[in-house]
């Protein structure tokens, strides 16, 4: 496995912070049901 480069080390936490603040509440993010997740992928 390769080591993450310096850009990745800085970018990943920034993206995760942004997502925590700005993520929309979508139904398939609240379930672990594989069928519901699969259906959401098909619809999108």
C-alpha atoms as a PDB file:
ATOM      1  CA  UNK A   1       0.000   0.000   0.000  1.00  0.00           C
ATOM      2  CA  UNK A   2       1.326   3.425  -0.880  1.00  0.00           C
ATOM      3  CA  UNK A   3       1.676   6.328   1.499  1.00  0.00           C
ATOM      4  CA  UNK A   4      -0.720   9.225   0.959  1.00  0.00           C
ATOM      5  CA  UNK A   5       0.963  12.225  -0.549  1.00  0.00           C
ATOM      6  CA  UNK A   6       1.093  15.573   1.305  1.00  0.00           C
ATOM      7  CA  UNK A   7      -1.757  17.036  -0.736  1.00  0.00           C
ATOM      8  CA  UNK A   8      -4.038  14.128   0.203  1.00  0.00           C
ATOM      9  CA  UNK A   9      -3.172  14.494   3.865  1.00  0.00           C
ATOM     10  CA  UNK A  10      -4.314  18.111   3.797  1.00  0.00           C
ATOM     11  CA  UNK A  11      -7.245  17.722   1.417  1.00  0.00           C
ATOM     12  CA  UNK A  12      -9.033  14.741   2.967  1.00  0.00           C
ATOM     13  CA  UNK A  13      -9.689  16.367   6.373  1.00  0.00           C
ATOM     14  CA  UNK A  14     -10.887  19.541   4.647  1.00  0.00           C
ATOM     15  CA  UNK A  15     -13.320  17.581   2.482  1.00  0.00           C
ATOM     16  CA  UNK A  16     -14.623  15.586   5.441  1.00  0.00           C
ATOM     17  CA  UNK A  17     -15.164  18.801   7.418  1.00  0.00           C
ATOM     18  CA  UNK A  18     -16.974  20.375   4.468  1.00  0.00           C
ATOM     19  CA  UNK A  19     -19.164  17.286   4.072  1.00  0.00           C
ATOM     20  CA  UNK A  20     -20.045  17.258   7.780  1.00  0.00           C
ATOM     21  CA  UNK A  21     -21.371  20.814   7.482  1.00  0.00           C
ATOM     22  CA  UNK A  22     -22.914  20.735   3.983  1.00  0.00           C
ATOM     23  CA  UNK A  23     -24.140  17.186   3.384  1.00  0.00           C
ATOM     24  CA  UNK A  24     -27.790  16.932   2.426  1.00  0.00           C
ATOM     25  CA  UNK A  25     -29.976  14.512   4.317  1.00  0.00           C
ATOM     26  CA  UNK A  26     -30.599  11.756   1.789  1.00  0.00           C
ATOM     27  CA  UNK A  27     -32.623   8.636   2.678  1.00  0.00           C
ATOM     28  CA  UNK A  28     -29.988   6.094   1.648  1.00  0.00           C
ATOM     29  CA  UNK A  29     -27.475   7.641   4.036  1.00  0.00           C
ATOM     30  CA  UNK A  30     -29.684   6.624   6.978  1.00  0.00           C
ATOM     31  CA  UNK A  31     -29.908   2.915   6.115  1.00  0.00           C
ATOM     32  CA  UNK A  32     -27.620  -0.072   5.783  1.00  0.00           C
ATOM     33  CA  UNK A  33     -30.239  -2.027   3.814  1.00  0.00           C
ATOM     34  CA  UNK A  34     -28.408  -3.163   0.663  1.00  0.00           C
ATOM     35  CA  UNK A  35     -31.639  -3.264  -1.361  1.00  0.00           C
ATOM     36  CA  UNK A  36     -32.555   0.350  -0.520  1.00  0.00           C
ATOM     37  CA  UNK A  37     -29.033   1.515  -1.352  1.00  0.00           C
ATOM     38  CA  UNK A  38     -29.068  -0.403  -4.629  1.00  0.00           C
ATOM     39  CA  UNK A  39     -32.436   1.099  -5.591  1.00  0.00           C
ATOM     40  CA  UNK A  40     -31.117   4.603  -4.893  1.00  0.00           C
ATOM     41  CA  UNK A  41     -28.148   3.883  -7.189  1.00  0.00           C
ATOM     42  CA  UNK A  42     -30.458   2.669  -9.956  1.00  0.00           C
ATOM     43  CA  UNK A  43     -32.701   5.741  -9.655  1.00  0.00           C
ATOM     44  CA  UNK A  44     -29.791   8.157  -9.717  1.00  0.00           C
END
